[in-house]
Amino acid sequence: MKLALLPLTLHLLPEGRVPLRIFEPRYVRMIAEAEKDDRGFGIGMLEDADETGKGDLYMLGARVKIVDFYTLEDGMLGITVEATERFRIRELAEEQDGLLQAEVELLDNWRSCALSPVEQILSDKLQEVFEEYPELAALHPEPRWQDAAWLTQRWLEVLPIKNDYIQMLMGEPSCHRALTFLLSMIRPDDVRPDQQH
C-alpha cells in the first residue's frame, strides 16, 4: 500500500488519537487527497533529534484516518486523527513539494486480551492520568479499561520513553512484552504524560 507520510516526533498506535495543526501546503494537499479515498495517510515517526536538530524517520509508523476537522484560533486547519494499524516502510520517495510517499506493509493489530489482577494497576493509573489531563480523556470517549492491548498502546503514547525503545515494543506481534515493560516502569506517584500531547 502507498501512503503519504506526515513525519512527527510522537508515537501513535492503533486506536490512539491526536489533534494536529496543518499549515504547510504539502500537508494541506495530503489531507485533501486522503479525503478522496479510504487510505488515509501515515504518521511517520521521527528519531530523537541529533545535534543539528534533525532526526531520521523510523521504519515503523501508523496509518491514520481523519475523525474531525475544525478551524483553529489562528485560522489554520485543525484535524484529529485516529490510528487504524501499524505499518513498516518498505520504500520511501519524496515528491517535488517535499511530501513523502511510502510503500508500506500493514501489520496485524494486537489482539484484545483481558488484564490479569497484577496488571490492573495499569488501568487504575491510566484512569488517574485521564482525570488529571481531561484533554487526553476527551480524545478517547470510549476507553477500554480492561483491555490489555488498548491500555498498553495508550501508555506507550503518553509515557516519556525513548523512541528507540517504543519502536522495538511497537514491532512486537502482541502487547505482552510491552505489558511486562510497563509493569516494571510504572510507579504510583510519578506517572505524567509526555508533553508532546
N, C-alpha and C. Protein backbone atom coordinates (compact mmCIF):
# COMPACT_ATOMS: atom_id res chain seq x y z
N MET A 1 0.84 -1.19 0.00
CA MET A 1 0.00 0.00 0.00
C MET A 1 0.87 1.24 0.00
N LYS A 2 0.45 2.27 -0.74
CA LYS A 2 1.17 3.53 -0.79
C LYS A 2 0.47 4.56 0.08
N LEU A 3 1.24 5.22 0.95
CA LEU A 3 0.69 6.23 1.85
C LEU A 3 1.57 7.47 1.85
N ALA A 4 0.93 8.63 1.84
CA ALA A 4 1.65 9.87 2.11
C ALA A 4 1.99 9.90 3.59
N LEU A 5 3.14 10.49 3.92
CA LEU A 5 3.60 10.49 5.32
C LEU A 5 3.67 11.90 5.89
N LEU A 6 3.23 12.02 7.13
CA LEU A 6 3.44 13.22 7.94
C LEU A 6 4.43 12.85 9.03
N PRO A 7 5.69 13.31 8.95
CA PRO A 7 6.68 12.94 9.97
C PRO A 7 6.46 13.73 11.27
N LEU A 8 6.39 13.03 12.38
CA LEU A 8 6.20 13.65 13.69
C LEU A 8 7.10 12.96 14.71
N THR A 9 7.38 13.65 15.81
CA THR A 9 8.22 13.06 16.85
C THR A 9 7.41 12.21 17.82
N LEU A 10 6.08 12.28 17.76
CA LEU A 10 5.28 11.46 18.68
C LEU A 10 5.07 10.06 18.12
N HIS A 11 4.67 9.16 18.99
CA HIS A 11 4.28 7.82 18.58
C HIS A 11 2.77 7.67 18.73
N LEU A 12 2.16 7.06 17.74
CA LEU A 12 0.72 6.81 17.75
C LEU A 12 0.51 5.35 17.39
N LEU A 13 -0.35 4.68 18.15
CA LEU A 13 -0.62 3.26 17.93
C LEU A 13 -2.11 3.07 17.68
N PRO A 14 -2.51 1.90 17.14
CA PRO A 14 -3.90 1.70 16.77
C PRO A 14 -4.90 2.10 17.87
N GLU A 15 -5.92 2.84 17.43
CA GLU A 15 -6.99 3.41 18.25
C GLU A 15 -6.55 4.62 19.05
N GLY A 16 -5.30 5.01 18.92
CA GLY A 16 -4.85 6.25 19.54
C GLY A 16 -5.27 7.44 18.70
N ARG A 17 -5.54 8.55 19.35
CA ARG A 17 -5.95 9.77 18.65
C ARG A 17 -5.05 10.93 19.03
N VAL A 18 -4.87 11.86 18.08
CA VAL A 18 -4.07 13.04 18.36
C VAL A 18 -4.59 14.19 17.50
N PRO A 19 -4.65 15.42 18.07
CA PRO A 19 -5.01 16.59 17.27
C PRO A 19 -3.77 17.12 16.55
N LEU A 20 -3.94 17.58 15.32
CA LEU A 20 -2.83 18.08 14.52
C LEU A 20 -3.19 19.44 13.92
N ARG A 21 -2.18 20.29 13.80
CA ARG A 21 -2.34 21.60 13.16
C ARG A 21 -1.69 21.50 11.78
N ILE A 22 -2.46 21.73 10.73
CA ILE A 22 -1.98 21.58 9.36
C ILE A 22 -1.85 22.94 8.72
N PHE A 23 -0.64 23.29 8.26
CA PHE A 23 -0.48 24.60 7.64
C PHE A 23 0.41 24.57 6.39
N GLU A 24 1.36 23.64 6.30
CA GLU A 24 2.21 23.61 5.12
C GLU A 24 1.40 23.13 3.91
N PRO A 25 1.59 23.77 2.74
CA PRO A 25 0.82 23.41 1.54
C PRO A 25 0.88 21.92 1.19
N ARG A 26 2.05 21.28 1.38
CA ARG A 26 2.14 19.86 1.02
C ARG A 26 1.24 19.00 1.90
N TYR A 27 1.07 19.40 3.15
CA TYR A 27 0.23 18.61 4.05
C TYR A 27 -1.25 18.95 3.87
N VAL A 28 -1.55 20.19 3.46
CA VAL A 28 -2.93 20.53 3.10
C VAL A 28 -3.34 19.67 1.90
N ARG A 29 -2.43 19.53 0.93
CA ARG A 29 -2.68 18.66 -0.23
C ARG A 29 -2.87 17.21 0.21
N MET A 30 -2.02 16.76 1.13
CA MET A 30 -2.11 15.38 1.62
C MET A 30 -3.49 15.12 2.24
N ILE A 31 -3.99 16.08 3.03
CA ILE A 31 -5.29 15.93 3.67
C ILE A 31 -6.39 15.87 2.62
N ALA A 32 -6.32 16.76 1.63
CA ALA A 32 -7.33 16.77 0.58
C ALA A 32 -7.35 15.44 -0.17
N GLU A 33 -6.17 14.91 -0.47
CA GLU A 33 -6.09 13.64 -1.19
C GLU A 33 -6.55 12.47 -0.32
N ALA A 34 -6.25 12.55 0.98
CA ALA A 34 -6.67 11.48 1.90
C ALA A 34 -8.19 11.38 1.99
N GLU A 35 -8.87 12.51 1.81
CA GLU A 35 -10.33 12.52 1.89
C GLU A 35 -10.99 11.95 0.64
N LYS A 36 -10.22 11.81 -0.45
CA LYS A 36 -10.79 11.31 -1.71
C LYS A 36 -10.94 9.79 -1.72
N ASP A 37 -10.17 9.11 -0.91
CA ASP A 37 -10.29 7.65 -0.84
C ASP A 37 -10.22 7.20 0.62
N ASP A 38 -10.22 5.92 0.84
CA ASP A 38 -10.25 5.41 2.21
C ASP A 38 -8.87 5.04 2.76
N ARG A 39 -7.82 5.43 2.05
CA ARG A 39 -6.49 5.03 2.50
C ARG A 39 -6.03 5.80 3.73
N GLY A 40 -6.50 7.03 3.86
CA GLY A 40 -5.97 7.88 4.92
C GLY A 40 -4.54 8.29 4.58
N PHE A 41 -3.71 8.47 5.60
CA PHE A 41 -2.29 8.77 5.39
C PHE A 41 -1.50 8.17 6.54
N GLY A 42 -0.21 8.32 6.51
CA GLY A 42 0.63 7.72 7.52
C GLY A 42 1.28 8.75 8.43
N ILE A 43 1.39 8.43 9.70
CA ILE A 43 2.23 9.19 10.62
C ILE A 43 3.59 8.49 10.63
N GLY A 44 4.59 9.18 10.09
CA GLY A 44 5.95 8.66 10.13
C GLY A 44 6.62 9.14 11.41
N MET A 45 7.23 8.27 12.13
CA MET A 45 7.76 8.60 13.44
C MET A 45 9.26 8.89 13.39
N LEU A 46 9.61 10.06 13.89
CA LEU A 46 10.99 10.55 13.80
C LEU A 46 11.82 10.14 15.00
N GLU A 47 13.09 9.90 14.74
CA GLU A 47 14.05 9.66 15.82
C GLU A 47 14.21 10.92 16.66
N ASP A 48 14.74 10.76 17.87
CA ASP A 48 15.09 11.93 18.67
C ASP A 48 16.09 12.77 17.89
N ALA A 49 15.93 14.09 17.96
CA ALA A 49 16.78 14.99 17.20
C ALA A 49 18.25 14.85 17.59
N ASP A 50 19.12 14.97 16.60
CA ASP A 50 20.57 14.94 16.88
C ASP A 50 21.05 16.36 17.14
N GLU A 51 22.37 16.57 17.13
CA GLU A 51 22.92 17.90 17.44
C GLU A 51 22.53 18.96 16.42
N THR A 52 22.14 18.54 15.22
CA THR A 52 21.71 19.51 14.20
C THR A 52 20.22 19.83 14.32
N GLY A 53 19.54 19.15 15.24
CA GLY A 53 18.12 19.39 15.43
C GLY A 53 17.23 18.54 14.55
N LYS A 54 17.83 17.60 13.83
CA LYS A 54 17.05 16.76 12.92
C LYS A 54 17.13 15.30 13.34
N GLY A 55 16.07 14.55 13.03
CA GLY A 55 16.05 13.13 13.30
C GLY A 55 15.60 12.37 12.07
N ASP A 56 16.11 11.17 11.89
CA ASP A 56 15.71 10.34 10.75
C ASP A 56 14.36 9.69 11.02
N LEU A 57 13.76 9.16 9.96
CA LEU A 57 12.48 8.51 10.04
C LEU A 57 12.65 7.05 10.44
N TYR A 58 11.86 6.60 11.42
CA TYR A 58 11.84 5.19 11.78
C TYR A 58 11.08 4.40 10.71
N MET A 59 11.30 3.09 10.71
CA MET A 59 10.64 2.24 9.73
C MET A 59 9.22 1.86 10.13
N LEU A 60 8.88 2.00 11.42
CA LEU A 60 7.52 1.70 11.87
C LEU A 60 6.73 2.99 12.04
N GLY A 61 5.51 2.97 11.55
CA GLY A 61 4.63 4.12 11.68
C GLY A 61 3.20 3.66 11.85
N ALA A 62 2.27 4.59 11.71
CA ALA A 62 0.85 4.26 11.90
C ALA A 62 0.02 4.88 10.78
N ARG A 63 -0.82 4.06 10.19
CA ARG A 63 -1.80 4.57 9.23
C ARG A 63 -2.93 5.21 10.03
N VAL A 64 -3.41 6.38 9.58
CA VAL A 64 -4.44 7.09 10.34
C VAL A 64 -5.60 7.48 9.43
N LYS A 65 -6.75 7.67 10.07
CA LYS A 65 -7.91 8.24 9.40
C LYS A 65 -8.29 9.53 10.12
N ILE A 66 -8.89 10.45 9.39
CA ILE A 66 -9.31 11.72 9.98
C ILE A 66 -10.69 11.54 10.60
N VAL A 67 -10.82 11.88 11.87
CA VAL A 67 -12.11 11.73 12.55
C VAL A 67 -12.77 13.06 12.86
N ASP A 68 -12.04 14.19 12.68
CA ASP A 68 -12.63 15.51 12.93
C ASP A 68 -11.83 16.59 12.23
N PHE A 69 -12.55 17.59 11.72
CA PHE A 69 -11.96 18.80 11.13
C PHE A 69 -12.43 20.00 11.93
N TYR A 70 -11.60 21.03 12.06
CA TYR A 70 -12.03 22.26 12.72
C TYR A 70 -11.05 23.37 12.34
N THR A 71 -11.48 24.61 12.57
CA THR A 71 -10.62 25.77 12.32
C THR A 71 -10.06 26.24 13.64
N LEU A 72 -8.74 26.39 13.70
CA LEU A 72 -8.08 26.83 14.93
C LEU A 72 -8.19 28.35 15.08
N GLU A 73 -7.85 28.84 16.26
CA GLU A 73 -7.96 30.27 16.55
C GLU A 73 -7.14 31.13 15.60
N ASP A 74 -6.02 30.58 15.12
CA ASP A 74 -5.17 31.34 14.19
C ASP A 74 -5.62 31.19 12.74
N GLY A 75 -6.76 30.52 12.53
CA GLY A 75 -7.28 30.34 11.19
C GLY A 75 -6.75 29.13 10.46
N MET A 76 -5.79 28.43 11.06
CA MET A 76 -5.23 27.24 10.43
C MET A 76 -6.19 26.05 10.54
N LEU A 77 -5.95 25.06 9.70
CA LEU A 77 -6.76 23.85 9.72
C LEU A 77 -6.33 22.96 10.88
N GLY A 78 -7.30 22.52 11.65
CA GLY A 78 -7.04 21.54 12.70
C GLY A 78 -7.75 20.25 12.37
N ILE A 79 -7.10 19.13 12.62
CA ILE A 79 -7.74 17.83 12.43
C ILE A 79 -7.42 16.95 13.63
N THR A 80 -8.28 15.99 13.88
CA THR A 80 -7.97 14.92 14.83
C THR A 80 -7.92 13.63 14.03
N VAL A 81 -6.85 12.86 14.24
CA VAL A 81 -6.71 11.60 13.53
C VAL A 81 -6.71 10.44 14.52
N GLU A 82 -7.11 9.29 14.01
CA GLU A 82 -7.08 8.05 14.80
C GLU A 82 -6.27 7.01 14.03
N ALA A 83 -5.34 6.37 14.72
CA ALA A 83 -4.54 5.32 14.08
C ALA A 83 -5.38 4.07 13.88
N THR A 84 -5.25 3.46 12.71
CA THR A 84 -6.01 2.25 12.42
C THR A 84 -5.14 1.00 12.45
N GLU A 85 -3.87 1.11 12.03
CA GLU A 85 -2.95 -0.02 12.13
C GLU A 85 -1.51 0.46 12.02
N ARG A 86 -0.60 -0.39 12.45
CA ARG A 86 0.83 -0.11 12.31
C ARG A 86 1.27 -0.50 10.91
N PHE A 87 2.39 0.10 10.47
CA PHE A 87 2.97 -0.33 9.21
C PHE A 87 4.49 -0.31 9.29
N ARG A 88 5.11 -1.02 8.35
CA ARG A 88 6.55 -0.99 8.18
C ARG A 88 6.84 -0.40 6.80
N ILE A 89 7.70 0.61 6.77
CA ILE A 89 8.05 1.25 5.50
C ILE A 89 8.97 0.34 4.70
N ARG A 90 8.61 0.11 3.44
CA ARG A 90 9.41 -0.71 2.53
C ARG A 90 10.21 0.15 1.56
N GLU A 91 9.59 1.21 1.06
CA GLU A 91 10.27 2.14 0.15
C GLU A 91 9.80 3.54 0.47
N LEU A 92 10.66 4.52 0.20
CA LEU A 92 10.36 5.91 0.52
C LEU A 92 10.76 6.79 -0.65
N ALA A 93 9.89 7.72 -1.03
CA ALA A 93 10.19 8.65 -2.12
C ALA A 93 9.69 10.04 -1.72
N GLU A 94 10.34 11.07 -2.25
CA GLU A 94 9.96 12.45 -1.95
C GLU A 94 9.44 13.12 -3.21
N GLU A 95 8.25 13.71 -3.12
CA GLU A 95 7.67 14.40 -4.25
C GLU A 95 8.25 15.81 -4.38
N GLN A 96 7.90 16.48 -5.46
CA GLN A 96 8.51 17.78 -5.78
C GLN A 96 8.32 18.82 -4.67
N ASP A 97 7.15 18.77 -4.01
CA ASP A 97 6.89 19.75 -2.95
C ASP A 97 7.39 19.30 -1.58
N GLY A 98 8.08 18.16 -1.55
CA GLY A 98 8.65 17.67 -0.29
C GLY A 98 7.79 16.65 0.44
N LEU A 99 6.58 16.37 -0.08
CA LEU A 99 5.73 15.38 0.57
C LEU A 99 6.33 13.99 0.38
N LEU A 100 6.45 13.26 1.50
CA LEU A 100 7.00 11.91 1.45
C LEU A 100 5.89 10.91 1.10
N GLN A 101 6.22 9.98 0.22
CA GLN A 101 5.32 8.88 -0.14
C GLN A 101 6.03 7.58 0.20
N ALA A 102 5.33 6.69 0.88
CA ALA A 102 5.94 5.43 1.31
C ALA A 102 5.14 4.25 0.81
N GLU A 103 5.87 3.24 0.38
CA GLU A 103 5.25 1.93 0.15
C GLU A 103 5.36 1.18 1.47
N VAL A 104 4.23 0.78 2.02
CA VAL A 104 4.23 0.22 3.36
C VAL A 104 3.62 -1.17 3.39
N GLU A 105 4.04 -1.94 4.39
CA GLU A 105 3.44 -3.23 4.70
C GLU A 105 2.63 -3.05 5.98
N LEU A 106 1.32 -3.28 5.89
CA LEU A 106 0.47 -3.15 7.07
C LEU A 106 0.68 -4.34 8.00
N LEU A 107 0.71 -4.06 9.29
CA LEU A 107 0.92 -5.10 10.31
C LEU A 107 -0.38 -5.38 11.04
N ASP A 108 -0.58 -6.63 11.44
CA ASP A 108 -1.78 -7.00 12.19
C ASP A 108 -1.83 -6.27 13.53
N ASN A 109 -3.01 -5.83 13.90
CA ASN A 109 -3.18 -5.18 15.20
C ASN A 109 -3.03 -6.19 16.33
N TRP A 110 -2.62 -5.70 17.49
CA TRP A 110 -2.54 -6.55 18.67
C TRP A 110 -3.94 -7.01 19.05
N ARG A 111 -4.05 -8.30 19.39
CA ARG A 111 -5.34 -8.82 19.80
C ARG A 111 -5.72 -8.34 21.19
N SER A 112 -7.00 -8.05 21.36
CA SER A 112 -7.50 -7.69 22.68
C SER A 112 -7.31 -8.86 23.64
N CYS A 113 -6.96 -8.53 24.87
CA CYS A 113 -6.85 -9.58 25.90
C CYS A 113 -7.13 -8.95 27.26
N ALA A 114 -7.66 -9.76 28.16
CA ALA A 114 -8.06 -9.27 29.48
C ALA A 114 -6.84 -9.02 30.35
N LEU A 115 -6.95 -8.03 31.23
CA LEU A 115 -5.91 -7.76 32.21
C LEU A 115 -5.90 -8.84 33.28
N SER A 116 -4.72 -9.19 33.73
CA SER A 116 -4.61 -10.05 34.90
C SER A 116 -4.71 -9.17 36.15
N PRO A 117 -4.96 -9.74 37.32
CA PRO A 117 -5.02 -8.93 38.54
C PRO A 117 -3.75 -8.10 38.77
N VAL A 118 -2.60 -8.66 38.46
CA VAL A 118 -1.34 -7.94 38.64
C VAL A 118 -1.27 -6.73 37.72
N GLU A 119 -1.88 -6.84 36.55
CA GLU A 119 -1.81 -5.76 35.55
C GLU A 119 -2.86 -4.68 35.78
N GLN A 120 -3.76 -4.88 36.72
CA GLN A 120 -4.85 -3.93 36.96
C GLN A 120 -4.33 -2.53 37.31
N ILE A 121 -3.14 -2.45 37.89
CA ILE A 121 -2.56 -1.14 38.23
C ILE A 121 -2.39 -0.27 36.98
N LEU A 122 -2.15 -0.89 35.82
CA LEU A 122 -2.00 -0.13 34.58
C LEU A 122 -3.30 0.58 34.23
N SER A 123 -4.42 -0.09 34.45
CA SER A 123 -5.72 0.53 34.21
C SER A 123 -6.00 1.63 35.22
N ASP A 124 -5.75 1.33 36.48
CA ASP A 124 -6.02 2.30 37.55
C ASP A 124 -5.22 3.59 37.34
N LYS A 125 -3.95 3.43 37.02
CA LYS A 125 -3.08 4.60 36.86
C LYS A 125 -3.40 5.40 35.60
N LEU A 126 -3.79 4.72 34.52
CA LEU A 126 -4.15 5.45 33.31
C LEU A 126 -5.45 6.22 33.52
N GLN A 127 -6.37 5.66 34.30
CA GLN A 127 -7.59 6.40 34.62
C GLN A 127 -7.25 7.66 35.41
N GLU A 128 -6.28 7.59 36.30
CA GLU A 128 -5.85 8.77 37.05
C GLU A 128 -5.24 9.82 36.11
N VAL A 129 -4.46 9.35 35.14
CA VAL A 129 -3.86 10.27 34.16
C VAL A 129 -4.96 10.97 33.35
N PHE A 130 -5.97 10.22 32.93
CA PHE A 130 -7.06 10.80 32.15
C PHE A 130 -7.84 11.82 32.98
N GLU A 131 -7.98 11.55 34.27
CA GLU A 131 -8.68 12.50 35.14
C GLU A 131 -7.87 13.79 35.29
N GLU A 132 -6.55 13.65 35.37
CA GLU A 132 -5.69 14.82 35.54
C GLU A 132 -5.52 15.61 34.25
N TYR A 133 -5.61 14.92 33.11
CA TYR A 133 -5.44 15.56 31.80
C TYR A 133 -6.70 15.31 30.97
N PRO A 134 -7.75 16.11 31.19
CA PRO A 134 -9.03 15.87 30.51
C PRO A 134 -8.94 15.96 28.99
N GLU A 135 -7.93 16.66 28.48
CA GLU A 135 -7.78 16.73 27.02
C GLU A 135 -7.43 15.36 26.44
N LEU A 136 -6.72 14.54 27.22
CA LEU A 136 -6.44 13.16 26.80
C LEU A 136 -7.71 12.32 26.86
N ALA A 137 -8.46 12.46 27.93
CA ALA A 137 -9.70 11.71 28.08
C ALA A 137 -10.68 12.04 26.96
N ALA A 138 -10.72 13.32 26.57
CA ALA A 138 -11.65 13.74 25.52
C ALA A 138 -11.34 13.08 24.18
N LEU A 139 -10.08 12.73 23.96
CA LEU A 139 -9.69 12.07 22.71
C LEU A 139 -10.15 10.62 22.67
N HIS A 140 -10.44 10.05 23.83
CA HIS A 140 -10.81 8.63 23.91
C HIS A 140 -12.12 8.48 24.68
N PRO A 141 -13.25 8.81 24.04
CA PRO A 141 -14.53 8.81 24.74
C PRO A 141 -15.04 7.42 25.13
N GLU A 142 -14.48 6.38 24.52
CA GLU A 142 -14.91 5.02 24.86
C GLU A 142 -13.70 4.17 25.28
N PRO A 143 -13.10 4.50 26.42
CA PRO A 143 -11.91 3.76 26.87
C PRO A 143 -12.24 2.32 27.21
N ARG A 144 -11.27 1.45 26.96
CA ARG A 144 -11.46 0.03 27.29
C ARG A 144 -10.48 -0.32 28.41
N TRP A 145 -10.92 -0.03 29.62
CA TRP A 145 -10.03 -0.11 30.78
C TRP A 145 -9.57 -1.53 31.10
N GLN A 146 -10.28 -2.54 30.63
CA GLN A 146 -9.90 -3.92 30.94
C GLN A 146 -9.24 -4.64 29.76
N ASP A 147 -8.96 -3.91 28.70
CA ASP A 147 -8.32 -4.48 27.51
C ASP A 147 -6.82 -4.19 27.58
N ALA A 148 -6.04 -5.22 27.78
CA ALA A 148 -4.59 -5.03 27.96
C ALA A 148 -3.93 -4.41 26.73
N ALA A 149 -4.37 -4.80 25.54
CA ALA A 149 -3.76 -4.26 24.32
C ALA A 149 -4.06 -2.76 24.19
N TRP A 150 -5.31 -2.38 24.43
CA TRP A 150 -5.68 -0.96 24.34
C TRP A 150 -4.90 -0.13 25.36
N LEU A 151 -4.86 -0.62 26.60
CA LEU A 151 -4.15 0.10 27.66
C LEU A 151 -2.67 0.26 27.35
N THR A 152 -2.05 -0.81 26.89
CA THR A 152 -0.63 -0.79 26.60
C THR A 152 -0.31 0.25 25.55
N GLN A 153 -1.13 0.31 24.51
CA GLN A 153 -0.89 1.26 23.43
C GLN A 153 -1.05 2.70 23.91
N ARG A 154 -2.04 2.95 24.76
CA ARG A 154 -2.20 4.32 25.28
C ARG A 154 -1.01 4.71 26.16
N TRP A 155 -0.50 3.78 26.97
CA TRP A 155 0.66 4.08 27.80
C TRP A 155 1.88 4.40 26.94
N LEU A 156 2.09 3.64 25.87
CA LEU A 156 3.25 3.89 25.01
C LEU A 156 3.16 5.26 24.34
N GLU A 157 1.94 5.77 24.18
CA GLU A 157 1.77 7.09 23.57
C GLU A 157 2.06 8.22 24.54
N VAL A 158 1.79 8.02 25.83
CA VAL A 158 1.90 9.15 26.76
C VAL A 158 3.15 9.14 27.64
N LEU A 159 3.75 7.99 27.87
CA LEU A 159 4.94 7.97 28.73
C LEU A 159 6.16 8.50 27.99
N PRO A 160 7.02 9.24 28.68
CA PRO A 160 8.25 9.76 28.05
C PRO A 160 9.32 8.68 27.97
N ILE A 161 9.13 7.76 27.03
CA ILE A 161 10.06 6.65 26.81
C ILE A 161 10.88 6.96 25.57
N LYS A 162 12.13 6.54 25.55
CA LYS A 162 12.97 6.75 24.38
C LYS A 162 12.33 6.16 23.14
N ASN A 163 12.38 6.91 22.04
CA ASN A 163 11.74 6.48 20.80
C ASN A 163 12.25 5.13 20.30
N ASP A 164 13.55 4.88 20.46
CA ASP A 164 14.09 3.59 20.01
C ASP A 164 13.38 2.43 20.71
N TYR A 165 13.12 2.60 22.00
CA TYR A 165 12.50 1.52 22.76
C TYR A 165 11.03 1.36 22.39
N ILE A 166 10.34 2.49 22.16
CA ILE A 166 8.95 2.40 21.73
C ILE A 166 8.86 1.67 20.40
N GLN A 167 9.78 1.98 19.49
CA GLN A 167 9.78 1.31 18.19
C GLN A 167 9.95 -0.20 18.35
N MET A 168 10.85 -0.60 19.25
CA MET A 168 11.07 -2.02 19.48
C MET A 168 9.79 -2.69 19.98
N LEU A 169 9.14 -2.07 20.97
CA LEU A 169 7.91 -2.63 21.52
C LEU A 169 6.78 -2.60 20.50
N MET A 170 6.73 -1.54 19.71
CA MET A 170 5.69 -1.38 18.70
C MET A 170 5.78 -2.46 17.62
N GLY A 171 6.98 -2.99 17.40
CA GLY A 171 7.18 -4.01 16.39
C GLY A 171 6.83 -5.41 16.85
N GLU A 172 6.49 -5.56 18.13
CA GLU A 172 6.15 -6.87 18.67
C GLU A 172 4.81 -7.37 18.12
N PRO A 173 4.62 -8.69 18.00
CA PRO A 173 3.36 -9.22 17.46
C PRO A 173 2.19 -9.17 18.43
N SER A 174 2.47 -8.92 19.71
CA SER A 174 1.40 -8.82 20.71
C SER A 174 1.82 -7.78 21.75
N CYS A 175 0.88 -7.50 22.69
CA CYS A 175 1.15 -6.49 23.71
C CYS A 175 1.95 -7.02 24.89
N HIS A 176 2.27 -8.30 24.93
CA HIS A 176 2.79 -8.91 26.16
C HIS A 176 4.14 -8.35 26.60
N ARG A 177 5.06 -8.16 25.67
CA ARG A 177 6.37 -7.63 26.06
C ARG A 177 6.24 -6.20 26.58
N ALA A 178 5.38 -5.41 25.92
CA ALA A 178 5.17 -4.03 26.37
C ALA A 178 4.51 -4.01 27.75
N LEU A 179 3.59 -4.93 27.99
CA LEU A 179 2.95 -5.02 29.31
C LEU A 179 3.98 -5.27 30.40
N THR A 180 4.87 -6.21 30.14
CA THR A 180 5.91 -6.53 31.13
C THR A 180 6.79 -5.31 31.39
N PHE A 181 7.15 -4.60 30.33
CA PHE A 181 7.96 -3.40 30.47
C PHE A 181 7.23 -2.34 31.30
N LEU A 182 5.96 -2.10 30.97
CA LEU A 182 5.20 -1.07 31.67
C LEU A 182 5.04 -1.40 33.16
N LEU A 183 4.81 -2.65 33.47
CA LEU A 183 4.68 -3.04 34.89
C LEU A 183 5.97 -2.78 35.65
N SER A 184 7.10 -2.94 34.98
CA SER A 184 8.39 -2.71 35.64
C SER A 184 8.68 -1.22 35.80
N MET A 185 7.99 -0.38 35.00
CA MET A 185 8.30 1.04 34.97
C MET A 185 7.35 1.91 35.79
N ILE A 186 6.10 1.50 35.84
CA ILE A 186 5.10 2.38 36.45
C ILE A 186 5.21 2.36 37.97
N ARG A 187 5.34 3.56 38.52
CA ARG A 187 5.37 3.74 39.97
C ARG A 187 4.19 4.64 40.34
N PRO A 188 3.58 4.43 41.46
CA PRO A 188 2.33 5.11 41.79
C PRO A 188 2.36 6.63 41.73
N ASP A 189 3.48 7.26 42.09
CA ASP A 189 3.44 8.71 42.29
C ASP A 189 4.12 9.53 41.21
N ASP A 190 4.63 8.90 40.16
CA ASP A 190 5.39 9.72 39.21
C ASP A 190 4.94 9.55 37.76
N VAL A 191 3.70 9.13 37.55
CA VAL A 191 3.21 8.98 36.19
C VAL A 191 2.74 10.34 35.67
N ARG A 192 3.35 10.78 34.59
CA ARG A 192 2.95 12.03 33.93
C ARG A 192 3.00 11.81 32.42
N PRO A 193 2.00 12.28 31.68
CA PRO A 193 2.04 12.10 30.23
C PRO A 193 3.18 12.87 29.62
N ASP A 194 3.60 12.40 28.46
CA ASP A 194 4.60 13.09 27.65
C ASP A 194 4.02 14.44 27.23
N GLN A 195 4.83 15.47 27.27
CA GLN A 195 4.33 16.80 26.92
C GLN A 195 4.04 16.97 25.43
N GLN A 196 4.38 15.96 24.60
CA GLN A 196 4.05 16.05 23.18
C GLN A 196 2.56 16.16 22.95
N HIS A 197 1.77 15.64 23.87
CA HIS A 197 0.32 15.70 23.69
C HIS A 197 -0.23 16.95 24.38
